[in-house]
Protein backbone atom coordinates (compact mmCIF):
# COMPACT_ATOMS: atom_id res chain seq x y z
CA MET A 1 0.00 0.00 0.00
CA ILE A 2 2.47 2.61 1.17
CA ALA A 3 4.64 2.15 -1.79
CA SER A 4 2.49 1.75 -4.84
CA LEU A 5 4.41 4.53 -6.63
CA ALA A 6 7.28 6.82 -7.98
CA THR A 7 7.61 9.68 -10.36
CA ALA A 8 7.97 9.51 -14.10
CA THR A 9 6.89 13.08 -14.74
CA GLY A 10 7.11 16.27 -12.75
CA CYS A 11 3.36 16.08 -12.09
CA SER A 12 3.36 13.26 -9.57
CA PRO A 13 4.72 13.14 -6.04
CA THR A 14 8.16 11.63 -5.66
CA PRO A 15 8.70 8.50 -3.56
CA ALA A 16 10.24 10.74 -0.88
CA GLU A 17 7.19 13.03 -0.85
CA LEU A 18 4.87 10.03 -0.60
CA CYS A 19 6.84 8.52 2.26
CA ASP A 20 6.95 11.82 4.14
CA HIS A 21 3.17 12.10 3.78
CA VAL A 22 2.62 8.50 4.91
CA MET A 23 4.77 9.09 7.99
CA GLU A 24 2.80 12.26 8.80
CA VAL A 25 -0.51 10.43 8.43
CA LEU A 26 0.71 7.56 10.62
CA ALA A 27 1.67 10.06 13.30
CA ALA A 28 -1.67 11.87 13.12
CA ASP A 29 -3.97 8.90 12.55
CA LYS A 30 -2.38 6.22 14.71
CA GLY A 31 -0.08 8.14 17.02
CA VAL A 32 2.91 6.39 15.44
CA GLU A 33 5.76 8.86 15.32
CA ILE A 34 9.45 8.07 15.16
CA THR A 35 11.36 10.59 17.24
CA ASN A 36 14.88 9.18 16.91
CA GLU A 37 16.43 10.81 13.83
CA ALA A 38 18.46 7.75 12.83
CA ASP A 39 15.36 5.55 13.05
CA LYS A 40 13.31 8.13 11.14
CA THR A 41 15.91 8.27 8.37
CA ALA A 42 16.08 4.48 8.16
CA ALA A 43 12.27 4.18 8.03
CA ARG A 44 12.06 6.85 5.33
CA GLU A 45 14.76 5.18 3.22
CA ALA A 46 13.05 1.78 3.56
CA CYS A 47 9.75 3.35 2.51
CA ILE A 48 11.35 4.98 -0.53
CA ASP A 49 12.90 1.65 -1.53
CA ASP A 50 9.47 0.00 -1.21
CA VAL A 51 7.82 2.71 -3.31
CA GLU A 52 10.41 2.37 -6.05
CA ARG A 53 10.15 -1.44 -6.03
CA GLU A 54 6.36 -1.36 -6.24
CA LYS A 55 6.46 1.28 -8.96
CA SER A 56 8.39 -1.11 -11.14
CA GLN A 57 5.56 -3.64 -10.70
CA LEU A 58 2.79 -1.24 -11.72
CA GLU A 59 1.35 -1.24 -15.21
CA GLY A 60 2.57 2.17 -16.31
CA VAL A 61 2.83 5.80 -15.41
CA ARG A 62 -0.93 6.36 -15.22
CA GLU A 63 -1.36 3.72 -12.53
CA TYR A 64 1.47 5.25 -10.50
CA ASN A 65 0.12 8.77 -10.93
CA ALA A 66 -3.39 7.76 -9.86
CA ARG A 67 -2.20 5.92 -6.75
CA ALA A 68 0.33 8.59 -5.80
CA LYS A 69 -2.24 11.37 -6.04
CA CYS A 70 -4.79 9.32 -4.09
CA ILE A 71 -2.29 8.68 -1.30
CA MET A 72 -1.31 12.35 -1.14
CA ARG A 73 -5.00 13.30 -0.73
CA ALA A 74 -5.53 10.73 2.01
CA ASP A 75 -5.70 11.93 5.58
CA SER A 76 -5.99 8.51 7.24
CA ILE A 77 -4.59 5.02 6.91
CA ALA A 78 -8.03 3.77 5.85
CA ALA A 79 -8.15 6.34 3.05
CA MET A 80 -4.68 5.29 1.89
CA SER A 81 -5.74 1.64 1.87
CA SER A 82 -8.63 2.48 -0.42
CA CYS A 83 -6.14 3.84 -2.98
CA ASP A 84 -4.90 0.31 -3.62
CA GLU A 85 -8.43 -1.07 -3.80
CA ASP A 86 -9.60 1.63 -6.22
CA GLU A 87 -6.78 0.95 -8.63
CA SER A 88 -6.92 -2.87 -8.58
């Protein structure tokens, strides 16, 4: 879910932007916030790797763009989860 994405044009959020947003939503929605900077950096890098890996499995730029934009609009984990369901 988190990583169904990456940018092919300047119009879509980058993997880093997506991961930053996901981490913000986790903190707000579930109270999950990483305060240790080293842990935060490691979690962000792992998320970016996941996004890039999943992007390579998507069926084109349009699918990435749609999921990325959906995730960036989401303000809860449930809303983010629906982005995967909507695009399946």
